PDB file of N, CA and C in Angstrom:
ATOM      1  N   GLN A   1     140.782 153.555   8.059  1.00  0.00           N
ATOM      2  CA  GLN A   1     141.716 153.532   9.187  1.00  0.00           C
ATOM      3  C   GLN A   1     140.977 153.116  10.445  1.00  0.00           C
ATOM      4  N   LEU A   2     141.502 152.114  11.125  1.00  0.00           N
ATOM      5  CA  LEU A   2     140.866 151.609  12.313  1.00  0.00           C
ATOM      6  C   LEU A   2     141.232 152.479  13.506  1.00  0.00           C
ATOM      7  N   GLN A   3     140.212 152.892  14.257  1.00  0.00           N
ATOM      8  CA  GLN A   3     140.445 153.826  15.346  1.00  0.00           C
ATOM      9  C   GLN A   3     139.442 153.603  16.471  1.00  0.00           C
ATOM     10  N   LEU A   4     139.900 153.760  17.701  1.00  0.00           N
ATOM     11  CA  LEU A   4     139.035 153.721  18.874  1.00  0.00           C
ATOM     12  C   LEU A   4     139.249 155.019  19.647  1.00  0.00           C
ATOM     13  N   VAL A   5     138.164 155.637  20.050  1.00  0.00           N
ATOM     14  CA  VAL A   5     138.247 156.906  20.774  1.00  0.00           C
ATOM     15  C   VAL A   5     137.368 156.816  22.007  1.00  0.00           C
ATOM     16  N   GLU A   6     137.987 156.963  23.186  1.00  0.00           N
ATOM     17  CA  GLU A   6     137.242 156.946  24.441  1.00  0.00           C
ATOM     18  C   GLU A   6     136.820 158.364  24.826  1.00  0.00           C
ATOM     19  N   SER A   7     135.752 158.430  25.576  1.00  0.00           N
ATOM     20  CA  SER A   7     135.298 159.702  26.134  1.00  0.00           C
ATOM     21  C   SER A   7     134.458 159.417  27.360  1.00  0.00           C
ATOM     22  N   GLY A   8     134.162 160.468  28.123  1.00  0.00           N
ATOM     23  CA  GLY A   8     133.262 160.335  29.255  1.00  0.00           C
ATOM     24  C   GLY A   8     133.944 160.357  30.607  1.00  0.00           C
ATOM     25  N   GLY A   9     135.259 160.404  30.629  1.00  0.00           N
ATOM     26  CA  GLY A   9     135.948 160.459  31.909  1.00  0.00           C
ATOM     27  C   GLY A   9     135.734 161.800  32.594  1.00  0.00           C
ATOM     28  N   GLY A  10     136.179 161.869  33.843  1.00  0.00           N
ATOM     29  CA  GLY A  10     136.044 163.113  34.589  1.00  0.00           C
ATOM     30  C   GLY A  10     136.305 162.901  36.059  1.00  0.00           C
ATOM     31  N   LEU A  11     135.949 163.922  36.831  1.00  0.00           N
ATOM     32  CA  LEU A  11     136.116 163.903  38.286  1.00  0.00           C
ATOM     33  C   LEU A  11     134.767 163.614  38.935  1.00  0.00           C
ATOM     34  N   VAL A  12     134.749 162.663  39.833  1.00  0.00           N
ATOM     35  CA  VAL A  12     133.499 162.284  40.491  1.00  0.00           C
ATOM     36  C   VAL A  12     133.789 161.924  41.943  1.00  0.00           C
ATOM     37  N   GLN A  13     132.812 162.134  42.808  1.00  0.00           N
ATOM     38  CA  GLN A  13     132.970 161.781  44.211  1.00  0.00           C
ATOM     39  C   GLN A  13     132.743 160.286  44.413  1.00  0.00           C
ATOM     40  N   PRO A  14     133.289 159.724  45.471  1.00  0.00           N
ATOM     41  CA  PRO A  14     133.014 158.319  45.785  1.00  0.00           C
ATOM     42  C   PRO A  14     131.513 158.070  45.859  1.00  0.00           C
ATOM     43  N   GLY A  15     131.099 156.975  45.274  1.00  0.00           N
ATOM     44  CA  GLY A  15     129.678 156.653  45.199  1.00  0.00           C
ATOM     45  C   GLY A  15     128.994 157.179  43.969  1.00  0.00           C
ATOM     46  N   GLY A  16     129.684 158.010  43.219  1.00  0.00           N
ATOM     47  CA  GLY A  16     129.111 158.600  42.013  1.00  0.00           C
ATOM     48  C   GLY A  16     129.189 157.678  40.814  1.00  0.00           C
ATOM     49  N   SER A  17     128.758 158.195  39.664  1.00  0.00           N
ATOM     50  CA  SER A  17     128.687 157.405  38.434  1.00  0.00           C
ATOM     51  C   SER A  17     129.306 158.169  37.266  1.00  0.00           C
ATOM     52  N   LEU A  18     129.803 157.398  36.330  1.00  0.00           N
ATOM     53  CA  LEU A  18     130.280 157.924  35.053  1.00  0.00           C
ATOM     54  C   LEU A  18     129.934 156.917  33.966  1.00  0.00           C
ATOM     55  N   ARG A  19     129.780 157.427  32.766  1.00  0.00           N
ATOM     56  CA  ARG A  19     129.528 156.561  31.609  1.00  0.00           C
ATOM     57  C   ARG A  19     130.605 156.825  30.579  1.00  0.00           C
ATOM     58  N   LEU A  20     131.423 155.822  30.343  1.00  0.00           N
ATOM     59  CA  LEU A  20     132.476 155.931  29.338  1.00  0.00           C
ATOM     60  C   LEU A  20     131.971 155.380  28.012  1.00  0.00           C
ATOM     61  N   SER A  21     132.450 155.963  26.940  1.00  0.00           N
ATOM     62  CA  SER A  21     132.108 155.485  25.605  1.00  0.00           C
ATOM     63  C   SER A  21     133.375 155.215  24.813  1.00  0.00           C
ATOM     64  N   CYS A  22     133.298 154.208  23.976  1.00  0.00           N
ATOM     65  CA  CYS A  22     134.398 153.867  23.065  1.00  0.00           C
ATOM     66  C   CYS A  22     133.794 153.833  21.665  1.00  0.00           C
ATOM     67  N   VAL A  23     134.082 154.856  20.889  1.00  0.00           N
ATOM     68  CA  VAL A  23     133.566 154.936  19.526  1.00  0.00           C
ATOM     69  C   VAL A  23     134.578 154.312  18.588  1.00  0.00           C
ATOM     70  N   VAL A  24     134.091 153.377  17.808  1.00  0.00           N
ATOM     71  CA  VAL A  24     134.960 152.608  16.912  1.00  0.00           C
ATOM     72  C   VAL A  24     134.725 153.027  15.474  1.00  0.00           C
ATOM     73  N   SER A  25     135.797 153.191  14.733  1.00  0.00           N
ATOM     74  CA  SER A  25     135.685 153.480  13.303  1.00  0.00           C
ATOM     75  C   SER A  25     136.688 152.611  12.552  1.00  0.00           C
ATOM     76  N   GLY A  26     136.340 152.300  11.326  1.00  0.00           N
ATOM     77  CA  GLY A  26     137.229 151.486  10.509  1.00  0.00           C
ATOM     78  C   GLY A  26     136.900 150.009  10.531  1.00  0.00           C
ATOM     79  N   PHE A  27     136.047 149.578  11.432  1.00  0.00           N
ATOM     80  CA  PHE A  27     135.582 148.201  11.440  1.00  0.00           C
ATOM     81  C   PHE A  27     134.256 148.165  12.201  1.00  0.00           C
ATOM     82  N   THR A  28     133.527 147.100  12.017  1.00  0.00           N
ATOM     83  CA  THR A  28     132.245 146.971  12.697  1.00  0.00           C
ATOM     84  C   THR A  28     132.402 146.148  13.966  1.00  0.00           C
ATOM     85  N   LEU A  29     131.637 146.519  14.979  1.00  0.00           N
ATOM     86  CA  LEU A  29     131.688 145.803  16.247  1.00  0.00           C
ATOM     87  C   LEU A  29     131.139 144.389  16.145  1.00  0.00           C
ATOM     88  N   ASP A  30     130.457 144.099  15.069  1.00  0.00           N
ATOM     89  CA  ASP A  30     129.853 142.781  14.925  1.00  0.00           C
ATOM     90  C   ASP A  30     130.893 141.674  14.829  1.00  0.00           C
ATOM     91  N   TYR A  31     132.144 142.030  14.585  1.00  0.00           N
ATOM     92  CA  TYR A  31     133.138 140.998  14.326  1.00  0.00           C
ATOM     93  C   TYR A  31     134.301 141.001  15.303  1.00  0.00           C
ATOM     94  N   ARG A  32     134.333 141.969  16.196  1.00  0.00           N
ATOM     95  CA  ARG A  32     135.468 142.034  17.098  1.00  0.00           C
ATOM     96  C   ARG A  32     134.993 142.346  18.513  1.00  0.00           C
ATOM     97  N   PRO A  33     135.437 141.583  19.494  1.00  0.00           N
ATOM     98  CA  PRO A  33     135.114 141.934  20.877  1.00  0.00           C
ATOM     99  C   PRO A  33     135.877 143.189  21.303  1.00  0.00           C
ATOM    100  N   ILE A  34     135.324 143.880  22.265  1.00  0.00           N
ATOM    101  CA  ILE A  34     135.948 145.085  22.807  1.00  0.00           C
ATOM    102  C   ILE A  34     136.169 144.891  24.295  1.00  0.00           C
ATOM    103  N   GLY A  35     137.365 145.179  24.727  1.00  0.00           N
ATOM    104  CA  GLY A  35     137.693 145.104  26.146  1.00  0.00           C
ATOM    105  C   GLY A  35     137.948 146.484  26.716  1.00  0.00           C
ATOM    106  N   TRP A  36     137.672 146.613  28.009  1.00  0.00           N
ATOM    107  CA  TRP A  36     138.014 147.842  28.743  1.00  0.00           C
ATOM    108  C   TRP A  36     139.125 147.518  29.735  1.00  0.00           C
ATOM    109  N   PHE A  37     140.066 148.441  29.835  1.00  0.00           N
ATOM    110  CA  PHE A  37     141.203 148.308  30.719  1.00  0.00           C
ATOM    111  C   PHE A  37     141.384 149.616  31.480  1.00  0.00           C
ATOM    112  N   ARG A  38     142.167 149.565  32.531  1.00  0.00           N
ATOM    113  CA  ARG A  38     142.496 150.801  33.232  1.00  0.00           C
ATOM    114  C   ARG A  38     143.901 150.697  33.795  1.00  0.00           C
ATOM    115  N   GLN A  39     144.484 151.867  34.014  1.00  0.00           N
ATOM    116  CA  GLN A  39     145.813 151.929  34.592  1.00  0.00           C
ATOM    117  C   GLN A  39     145.837 153.021  35.638  1.00  0.00           C
ATOM    118  N   ALA A  40     146.065 152.620  36.879  1.00  0.00           N
ATOM    119  CA  ALA A  40     146.182 153.570  37.971  1.00  0.00           C
ATOM    120  C   ALA A  40     147.616 154.080  38.031  1.00  0.00           C
ATOM    121  N   PRO A  41     147.822 155.244  38.613  1.00  0.00           N
ATOM    122  CA  PRO A  41     149.183 155.799  38.708  1.00  0.00           C
ATOM    123  C   PRO A  41     150.136 154.825  39.387  1.00  0.00           C
ATOM    124  N   GLY A  42     151.244 154.567  38.746  1.00  0.00           N
ATOM    125  CA  GLY A  42     152.263 153.700  39.319  1.00  0.00           C
ATOM    126  C   GLY A  42     151.958 152.219  39.272  1.00  0.00           C
ATOM    127  N   GLN A  43     150.871 151.861  38.606  1.00  0.00           N
ATOM    128  CA  GLN A  43     150.479 150.445  38.538  1.00  0.00           C
ATOM    129  C   GLN A  43     150.402 149.984  37.091  1.00  0.00           C
ATOM    130  N   GLU A  44     150.383 148.674  36.936  1.00  0.00           N
ATOM    131  CA  GLU A  44     150.255 148.107  35.602  1.00  0.00           C
ATOM    132  C   GLU A  44     148.805 148.211  35.129  1.00  0.00           C
ATOM    133  N   ARG A  45     148.669 148.194  33.829  1.00  0.00           N
ATOM    134  CA  ARG A  45     147.330 148.209  33.258  1.00  0.00           C
ATOM    135  C   ARG A  45     146.626 146.895  33.563  1.00  0.00           C
ATOM    136  N   GLU A  46     145.329 146.982  33.880  1.00  0.00           N
ATOM    137  CA  GLU A  46     144.558 145.779  34.201  1.00  0.00           C
ATOM    138  C   GLU A  46     143.262 145.777  33.404  1.00  0.00           C
ATOM    139  N   GLY A  47     142.847 144.586  33.039  1.00  0.00           N
ATOM    140  CA  GLY A  47     141.591 144.434  32.328  1.00  0.00           C
ATOM    141  C   GLY A  47     140.427 144.419  33.295  1.00  0.00           C
ATOM    142  N   ILE A  48     139.292 145.014  32.890  1.00  0.00           N
ATOM    143  CA  ILE A  48     138.148 145.094  33.791  1.00  0.00           C
ATOM    144  C   ILE A  48     136.852 144.544  33.196  1.00  0.00           C
ATOM    145  N   SER A  49     136.750 144.516  31.878  1.00  0.00           N
ATOM    146  CA  SER A  49     135.505 144.038  31.287  1.00  0.00           C
ATOM    147  C   SER A  49     135.706 143.756  29.801  1.00  0.00           C
ATOM    148  N   CYS A  50     134.749 143.002  29.252  1.00  0.00           N
ATOM    149  CA  CYS A  50     134.820 142.699  27.827  1.00  0.00           C
ATOM    150  C   CYS A  50     133.417 142.348  27.334  1.00  0.00           C
ATOM    151  N   ILE A  51     133.149 142.662  26.070  1.00  0.00           N
ATOM    152  CA  ILE A  51     131.877 142.265  25.463  1.00  0.00           C
ATOM    153  C   ILE A  51     132.171 141.519  24.171  1.00  0.00           C
ATOM    154  N   GLN A  52     131.541 140.371  24.057  1.00  0.00           N
ATOM    155  CA  GLN A  52     131.741 139.492  22.915  1.00  0.00           C
ATOM    156  C   GLN A  52     131.063 140.095  21.677  1.00  0.00           C
ATOM    157  N   SER A  53     131.628 139.839  20.522  1.00  0.00           N
ATOM    158  CA  SER A  53     131.045 140.365  19.297  1.00  0.00           C
ATOM    159  C   SER A  53     129.917 139.483  18.776  1.00  0.00           C
ATOM    160  N   SER A  54     130.012 138.186  19.006  1.00  0.00           N
ATOM    161  CA  SER A  54     129.074 137.260  18.374  1.00  0.00           C
ATOM    162  C   SER A  54     127.702 137.250  19.042  1.00  0.00           C
ATOM    163  N   ASP A  55     127.694 137.342  20.379  1.00  0.00           N
ATOM    164  CA  ASP A  55     126.428 137.189  21.090  1.00  0.00           C
ATOM    165  C   ASP A  55     126.217 138.208  22.199  1.00  0.00           C
ATOM    166  N   ASP A  56     127.063 139.224  22.258  1.00  0.00           N
ATOM    167  CA  ASP A  56     126.969 140.263  23.293  1.00  0.00           C
ATOM    168  C   ASP A  56     127.161 139.703  24.698  1.00  0.00           C
ATOM    169  N   ARG A  57     127.780 138.571  24.808  1.00  0.00           N
ATOM    170  CA  ARG A  57     128.069 138.061  26.144  1.00  0.00           C
ATOM    171  C   ARG A  57     129.074 138.999  26.819  1.00  0.00           C
ATOM    172  N   THR A  58     128.853 139.230  28.118  1.00  0.00           N
ATOM    173  CA  THR A  58     129.697 140.185  28.829  1.00  0.00           C
ATOM    174  C   THR A  58     130.492 139.496  29.927  1.00  0.00           C
ATOM    175  N   TYR A  59     131.618 140.081  30.230  1.00  0.00           N
ATOM    176  CA  TYR A  59     132.517 139.550  31.240  1.00  0.00           C
ATOM    177  C   TYR A  59     132.999 140.711  32.105  1.00  0.00           C
ATOM    178  N   TYR A  60     133.175 140.422  33.412  1.00  0.00           N
ATOM    179  CA  TYR A  60     133.617 141.447  34.347  1.00  0.00           C
ATOM    180  C   TYR A  60     134.649 140.880  35.308  1.00  0.00           C
ATOM    181  N   ALA A  61     135.648 141.696  35.620  1.00  0.00           N
ATOM    182  CA  ALA A  61     136.554 141.343  36.699  1.00  0.00           C
ATOM    183  C   ALA A  61     135.788 141.397  38.012  1.00  0.00           C
ATOM    184  N   ASP A  62     136.201 140.594  38.963  1.00  0.00           N
ATOM    185  CA  ASP A  62     135.461 140.501  40.226  1.00  0.00           C
ATOM    186  C   ASP A  62     135.331 141.846  40.929  1.00  0.00           C
ATOM    187  N   PHE A  63     136.353 142.680  40.816  1.00  0.00           N
ATOM    188  CA  PHE A  63     136.349 143.926  41.583  1.00  0.00           C
ATOM    189  C   PHE A  63     135.451 145.003  40.983  1.00  0.00           C
ATOM    190  N   VAL A  64     134.859 144.751  39.807  1.00  0.00           N
ATOM    191  CA  VAL A  64     133.897 145.709  39.251  1.00  0.00           C
ATOM    192  C   VAL A  64     132.520 145.079  39.065  1.00  0.00           C
ATOM    193  N   LYS A  65     132.429 143.791  39.272  1.00  0.00           N
ATOM    194  CA  LYS A  65     131.164 143.090  39.069  1.00  0.00           C
ATOM    195  C   LYS A  65     130.085 143.666  39.975  1.00  0.00           C
ATOM    196  N   GLY A  66     128.928 143.931  39.400  1.00  0.00           N
ATOM    197  CA  GLY A  66     127.837 144.508  40.170  1.00  0.00           C
ATOM    198  C   GLY A  66     127.847 146.022  40.190  1.00  0.00           C
ATOM    199  N   ARG A  67     128.944 146.620  39.784  1.00  0.00           N
ATOM    200  CA  ARG A  67     129.033 148.093  39.756  1.00  0.00           C
ATOM    201  C   ARG A  67     129.148 148.635  38.337  1.00  0.00           C
ATOM    202  N   PHE A  68     129.814 147.899  37.466  1.00  0.00           N
ATOM    203  CA  PHE A  68     130.041 148.339  36.084  1.00  0.00           C
ATOM    204  C   PHE A  68     129.184 147.505  35.141  1.00  0.00           C
ATOM    205  N   THR A  69     128.740 148.139  34.059  1.00  0.00           N
ATOM    206  CA  THR A  69     127.972 147.448  33.036  1.00  0.00           C
ATOM    207  C   THR A  69     128.506 147.837  31.670  1.00  0.00           C
ATOM    208  N   ILE A  70     128.871 146.832  30.878  1.00  0.00           N
ATOM    209  CA  ILE A  70     129.356 147.072  29.525  1.00  0.00           C
ATOM    210  C   ILE A  70     128.220 146.766  28.553  1.00  0.00           C
ATOM    211  N   SER A  71     128.125 147.579  27.509  1.00  0.00           N
ATOM    212  CA  SER A  71     127.064 147.374  26.526  1.00  0.00           C
ATOM    213  C   SER A  71     127.539 147.836  25.158  1.00  0.00           C
ATOM    214  N   ARG A  72     126.817 147.378  24.150  1.00  0.00           N
ATOM    215  CA  ARG A  72     127.206 147.689  22.780  1.00  0.00           C
ATOM    216  C   ARG A  72     126.041 148.332  22.059  1.00  0.00           C
ATOM    217  N   ASP A  73     126.329 149.392  21.322  1.00  0.00           N
ATOM    218  CA  ASP A  73     125.345 150.058  20.472  1.00  0.00           C
ATOM    219  C   ASP A  73     125.824 149.902  19.039  1.00  0.00           C
ATOM    220  N   SER A  74     125.284 148.903  18.363  1.00  0.00           N
ATOM    221  CA  SER A  74     125.754 148.601  17.011  1.00  0.00           C
ATOM    222  C   SER A  74     125.457 149.734  16.037  1.00  0.00           C
ATOM    223  N   ALA A  75     124.337 150.397  16.229  1.00  0.00           N
ATOM    224  CA  ALA A  75     123.976 151.490  15.316  1.00  0.00           C
ATOM    225  C   ALA A  75     124.994 152.617  15.375  1.00  0.00           C
ATOM    226  N   GLU A  76     125.528 152.853  16.575  1.00  0.00           N
ATOM    227  CA  GLU A  76     126.511 153.922  16.755  1.00  0.00           C
ATOM    228  C   GLU A  76     127.944 153.397  16.718  1.00  0.00           C
ATOM    229  N   ASN A  77     128.102 152.084  16.574  1.00  0.00           N
ATOM    230  CA  ASN A  77     129.431 151.452  16.596  1.00  0.00           C
ATOM    231  C   ASN A  77     130.203 151.872  17.842  1.00  0.00           C
ATOM    232  N   THR A  78     129.501 151.765  18.968  1.00  0.00           N
ATOM    233  CA  THR A  78     130.039 152.261  20.235  1.00  0.00           C
ATOM    234  C   THR A  78     129.870 151.199  21.305  1.00  0.00           C
ATOM    235  N   VAL A  79     130.864 151.103  22.175  1.00  0.00           N
ATOM    236  CA  VAL A  79     130.769 150.274  23.375  1.00  0.00           C
ATOM    237  C   VAL A  79     130.812 151.211  24.575  1.00  0.00           C
ATOM    238  N   ASN A  80     129.845 151.050  25.455  1.00  0.00           N
ATOM    239  CA  ASN A  80     129.755 151.903  26.635  1.00  0.00           C
ATOM    240  C   ASN A  80     130.113 151.131  27.888  1.00  0.00           C
ATOM    241  N   LEU A  81     130.625 151.848  28.872  1.00  0.00           N
ATOM    242  CA  LEU A  81     130.903 151.273  30.185  1.00  0.00           C
ATOM    243  C   LEU A  81     130.260 152.175  31.222  1.00  0.00           C
ATOM    244  N   GLN A  82     129.149 151.708  31.769  1.00  0.00           N
ATOM    245  CA  GLN A  82     128.462 152.439  32.836  1.00  0.00           C
ATOM    246  C   GLN A  82     129.094 152.058  34.159  1.00  0.00           C
ATOM    247  N   MET A  83     129.589 153.036  34.883  1.00  0.00           N
ATOM    248  CA  MET A  83     130.285 152.789  36.136  1.00  0.00           C
ATOM    249  C   MET A  83     129.516 153.449  37.269  1.00  0.00           C
ATOM    250  N   ASN A  84     129.014 152.644  38.179  1.00  0.00           N
ATOM    251  CA  ASN A  84     128.261 153.129  39.322  1.00  0.00           C
ATOM    252  C   ASN A  84     128.994 152.824  40.609  1.00  0.00           C
ATOM    253  N   ASN A  85     128.607 153.530  41.667  1.00  0.00           N
ATOM    254  CA  ASN A  85     129.209 153.312  42.978  1.00  0.00           C
ATOM    255  C   ASN A  85     130.732 153.316  42.900  1.00  0.00           C
ATOM    256  N   LEU A  86     131.253 154.358  42.304  1.00  0.00           N
ATOM    257  CA  LEU A  86     132.688 154.433  42.091  1.00  0.00           C
ATOM    258  C   LEU A  86     133.435 154.565  43.409  1.00  0.00           C
ATOM    259  N   LEU A  87     134.593 153.925  43.458  1.00  0.00           N
ATOM    260  CA  LEU A  87     135.448 153.914  44.628  1.00  0.00           C
ATOM    261  C   LEU A  87     136.725 154.693  44.343  1.00  0.00           C
ATOM    262  N   LEU A  88     137.404 155.089  45.392  1.00  0.00           N
ATOM    263  CA  LEU A  88     138.662 155.813  45.210  1.00  0.00           C
ATOM    264  C   LEU A  88     139.633 155.016  44.341  1.00  0.00           C
ATOM    265  N   GLU A  89     139.640 153.703  44.531  1.00  0.00           N
ATOM    266  CA  GLU A  89     140.579 152.855  43.796  1.00  0.00           C
ATOM    267  C   GLU A  89     140.199 152.648  42.332  1.00  0.00           C
ATOM    268  N   ASP A  90     139.087 153.209  41.909  1.00  0.00           N
ATOM    269  CA  ASP A  90     138.725 153.166  40.485  1.00  0.00           C
ATOM    270  C   ASP A  90     139.426 154.258  39.686  1.00  0.00           C
ATOM    271  N   THR A  91     140.148 155.122  40.364  1.00  0.00           N
ATOM    272  CA  THR A  91     140.871 156.189  39.682  1.00  0.00           C
ATOM    273  C   THR A  91     141.915 155.618  38.734  1.00  0.00           C
ATOM    274  N   GLY A  92     141.975 156.192  37.535  1.00  0.00           N
ATOM    275  CA  GLY A  92     142.974 155.757  36.568  1.00  0.00           C
ATOM    276  C   GLY A  92     142.616 156.220  35.174  1.00  0.00           C
ATOM    277  N   VAL A  93     143.462 155.864  34.239  1.00  0.00           N
ATOM    278  CA  VAL A  93     143.178 156.117  32.831  1.00  0.00           C
ATOM    279  C   VAL A  93     142.518 154.863  32.262  1.00  0.00           C
ATOM    280  N   TYR A  94     141.382 155.059  31.636  1.00  0.00           N
ATOM    281  CA  TYR A  94     140.597 153.943  31.109  1.00  0.00           C
ATOM    282  C   TYR A  94     140.769 153.867  29.596  1.00  0.00           C
ATOM    283  N   TYR A  95     141.018 152.652  29.120  1.00  0.00           N
ATOM    284  CA  TYR A  95     141.254 152.415  27.703  1.00  0.00           C
ATOM    285  C   TYR A  95     140.288 151.351  27.184  1.00  0.00           C
ATOM    286  N   CYS A  96     139.915 151.484  25.933  1.00  0.00           N
ATOM    287  CA  CYS A  96     139.235 150.382  25.260  1.00  0.00           C
ATOM    288  C   CYS A  96     140.184 149.809  24.213  1.00  0.00           C
ATOM    289  N   ALA A  97     139.967 148.550  23.903  1.00  0.00           N
ATOM    290  CA  ALA A  97     140.841 147.865  22.958  1.00  0.00           C
ATOM    291  C   ALA A  97     140.035 146.886  22.125  1.00  0.00           C
ATOM    292  N   SER A  98     140.496 146.705  20.910  1.00  0.00           N
ATOM    293  CA  SER A  98     139.882 145.737  20.007  1.00  0.00           C
ATOM    294  C   SER A  98     140.713 144.463  20.019  1.00  0.00           C
ATOM    295  N   GLY A  99     140.113 143.392  20.517  1.00  0.00           N
ATOM    296  CA  GLY A  99     140.850 142.150  20.642  1.00  0.00           C
ATOM    297  C   GLY A  99     140.285 141.032  19.791  1.00  0.00           C
ATOM    298  N   ARG A 100     140.850 139.865  19.991  1.00  0.00           N
ATOM    299  CA  ARG A 100     140.378 138.672  19.292  1.00  0.00           C
ATOM    300  C   ARG A 100     139.432 137.845  20.163  1.00  0.00           C
ATOM    301  N   TYR A 101     139.656 137.873  21.464  1.00  0.00           N
ATOM    302  CA  TYR A 101     138.848 137.077  22.372  1.00  0.00           C
ATOM    303  C   TYR A 101     138.616 137.836  23.663  1.00  0.00           C
ATOM    304  N   CYS A 102     137.524 137.529  24.322  1.00  0.00           N
ATOM    305  CA  CYS A 102     137.313 138.007  25.681  1.00  0.00           C
ATOM    306  C   CYS A 102     137.913 137.002  26.656  1.00  0.00           C
ATOM    307  N   ARG A 103     138.555 137.507  27.688  1.00  0.00           N
ATOM    308  CA  ARG A 103     139.063 136.627  28.734  1.00  0.00           C
ATOM    309  C   ARG A 103     137.899 136.100  29.557  1.00  0.00           C
ATOM    310  N   GLY A 104     137.939 134.846  29.880  1.00  0.00           N
ATOM    311  CA  GLY A 104     136.858 134.264  30.658  1.00  0.00           C
ATOM    312  C   GLY A 104     136.795 134.759  32.082  1.00  0.00           C
ATOM    313  N   ASP A 105     137.899 135.300  32.603  1.00  0.00           N
ATOM    314  CA  ASP A 105     137.904 135.802  33.982  1.00  0.00           C
ATOM    315  C   ASP A 105     137.457 137.255  34.066  1.00  0.00           C
ATOM    316  N   GLY A 106     137.069 137.820  32.916  1.00  0.00           N
ATOM    317  CA  GLY A 106     136.543 139.178  32.903  1.00  0.00           C
ATOM    318  C   GLY A 106     137.569 140.277  32.806  1.00  0.00           C
ATOM    319  N   ARG A 107     138.827 139.902  32.730  1.00  0.00           N
ATOM    320  CA  ARG A 107     139.882 140.917  32.743  1.00  0.00           C
ATOM    321  C   ARG A 107     140.232 141.371  31.326  1.00  0.00           C
ATOM    322  N   GLY A 108     139.214 141.852  30.621  1.00  0.00           N
ATOM    323  CA  GLY A 108     139.441 142.458  29.325  1.00  0.00           C
ATOM    324  C   GLY A 108     139.494 141.472  28.188  1.00  0.00           C
ATOM    325  N   SER A 109     140.153 141.863  27.115  1.00  0.00           N
ATOM    326  CA  SER A 109     140.259 141.062  25.905  1.00  0.00           C
ATOM    327  C   SER A 109     141.709 140.664  25.658  1.00  0.00           C
ATOM    328  N   LEU A 110     141.869 139.647  24.813  1.00  0.00           N
ATOM    329  CA  LEU A 110     143.193 139.123  24.482  1.00  0.00           C
ATOM    330  C   LEU A 110     143.547 139.422  23.041  1.00  0.00           C
ATOM    331  N   ARG A 111     144.859 139.418  22.805  1.00  0.00           N
ATOM    332  CA  ARG A 111     145.369 139.692  21.459  1.00  0.00           C
ATOM    333  C   ARG A 111     144.820 141.015  20.946  1.00  0.00           C
ATOM    334  N   ASN A 112     145.009 142.025  21.755  1.00  0.00           N
ATOM    335  CA  ASN A 112     144.517 143.350  21.399  1.00  0.00           C
ATOM    336  C   ASN A 112     145.419 143.979  20.351  1.00  0.00           C
ATOM    337  N   GLU A 113     144.801 144.370  19.277  1.00  0.00           N
ATOM    338  CA  GLU A 113     145.567 144.913  18.162  1.00  0.00           C
ATOM    339  C   GLU A 113     145.474 146.430  18.077  1.00  0.00           C
ATOM    340  N   TYR A 114     144.399 146.971  18.605  1.00  0.00           N
ATOM    341  CA  TYR A 114     144.191 148.411  18.524  1.00  0.00           C
ATOM    342  C   TYR A 114     143.698 148.927  19.866  1.00  0.00           C
ATOM    343  N   TRP A 115     144.204 150.105  20.220  1.00  0.00           N
ATOM    344  CA  TRP A 115     143.868 150.732  21.496  1.00  0.00           C
ATOM    345  C   TRP A 115     143.423 152.173  21.275  1.00  0.00           C
ATOM    346  N   GLY A 116     142.578 152.627  22.176  1.00  0.00           N
ATOM    347  CA  GLY A 116     142.242 154.034  22.203  1.00  0.00           C
ATOM    348  C   GLY A 116     143.308 154.813  22.959  1.00  0.00           C
ATOM    349  N   GLN A 117     143.130 156.117  23.036  1.00  0.00           N
ATOM    350  CA  GLN A 117     144.126 156.982  23.659  1.00  0.00           C
ATOM    351  C   GLN A 117     143.916 157.103  25.166  1.00  0.00           C
ATOM    352  N   GLY A 118     142.762 156.670  25.649  1.00  0.00           N
ATOM    353  CA  GLY A 118     142.486 156.686  27.075  1.00  0.00           C
ATOM    354  C   GLY A 118     141.693 157.910  27.511  1.00  0.00           C
ATOM    355  N   THR A 119     140.957 157.751  28.598  1.00  0.00           N
ATOM    356  CA  THR A 119     140.219 158.845  29.210  1.00  0.00           C
ATOM    357  C   THR A 119     140.415 158.759  30.719  1.00  0.00           C
ATOM    358  N   GLN A 120     140.665 159.898  31.343  1.00  0.00           N
ATOM    359  CA  GLN A 120     141.002 159.930  32.770  1.00  0.00           C
ATOM    360  C   GLN A 120     139.732 159.886  33.627  1.00  0.00           C
ATOM    361  N   VAL A 121     139.746 158.995  34.600  1.00  0.00           N
ATOM    362  CA  VAL A 121     138.687 158.928  35.611  1.00  0.00           C
ATOM    363  C   VAL A 121     139.334 159.188  36.965  1.00  0.00           C
ATOM    364  N   THR A 122     138.830 160.184  37.664  1.00  0.00           N
ATOM    365  CA  THR A 122     139.352 160.517  38.988  1.00  0.00           C
ATOM    366  C   THR A 122     138.206 160.479  39.991  1.00  0.00           C
ATOM    367  N   VAL A 123     138.357 159.618  40.984  1.00  0.00           N
ATOM    368  CA  VAL A 123     137.365 159.516  42.052  1.00  0.00           C
ATOM    369  C   VAL A 123     137.992 160.121  43.296  1.00  0.00           C
ATOM    370  N   SER A 124     137.410 161.205  43.765  1.00  0.00           N
ATOM    371  CA  SER A 124     137.994 161.930  44.889  1.00  0.00           C
ATOM    372  C   SER A 124     136.909 162.691  45.626  1.00  0.00           C
ATOM    373  N   SER A 125     137.092 162.782  46.937  1.00  0.00           N
ATOM    374  CA  SER A 125     136.159 163.574  47.732  1.00  0.00           C
ATOM    375  C   SER A 125     136.683 164.987  47.924  1.00  0.00           C
TER     376      SER A 125
END
């Protein structure tokens, strides 16, 4: 059974850091890119990053570039999202998804077939 499970969310002050993890089961990361998305209250879900399966190439949306880092741990079948210098507007539910392609503009992955349940990130002073 193919499954994605996010973890690592929480409450953090502006300027703080969090590390999200997406543990994948049922398939290997070597063959599918993983995208990260988020949804703020009252807003549509938006893509923020993606990591390619073939060569670990990474993509970032402009508004997280330089602050977020996506990485893959093949041994653990996990994709991590290190988030530094968090801003109030980073608050939302963060999801990982298994897609077919990474978007070239960094806004996640395309043709997503499987999603995790999400993890809440709250940035507040």
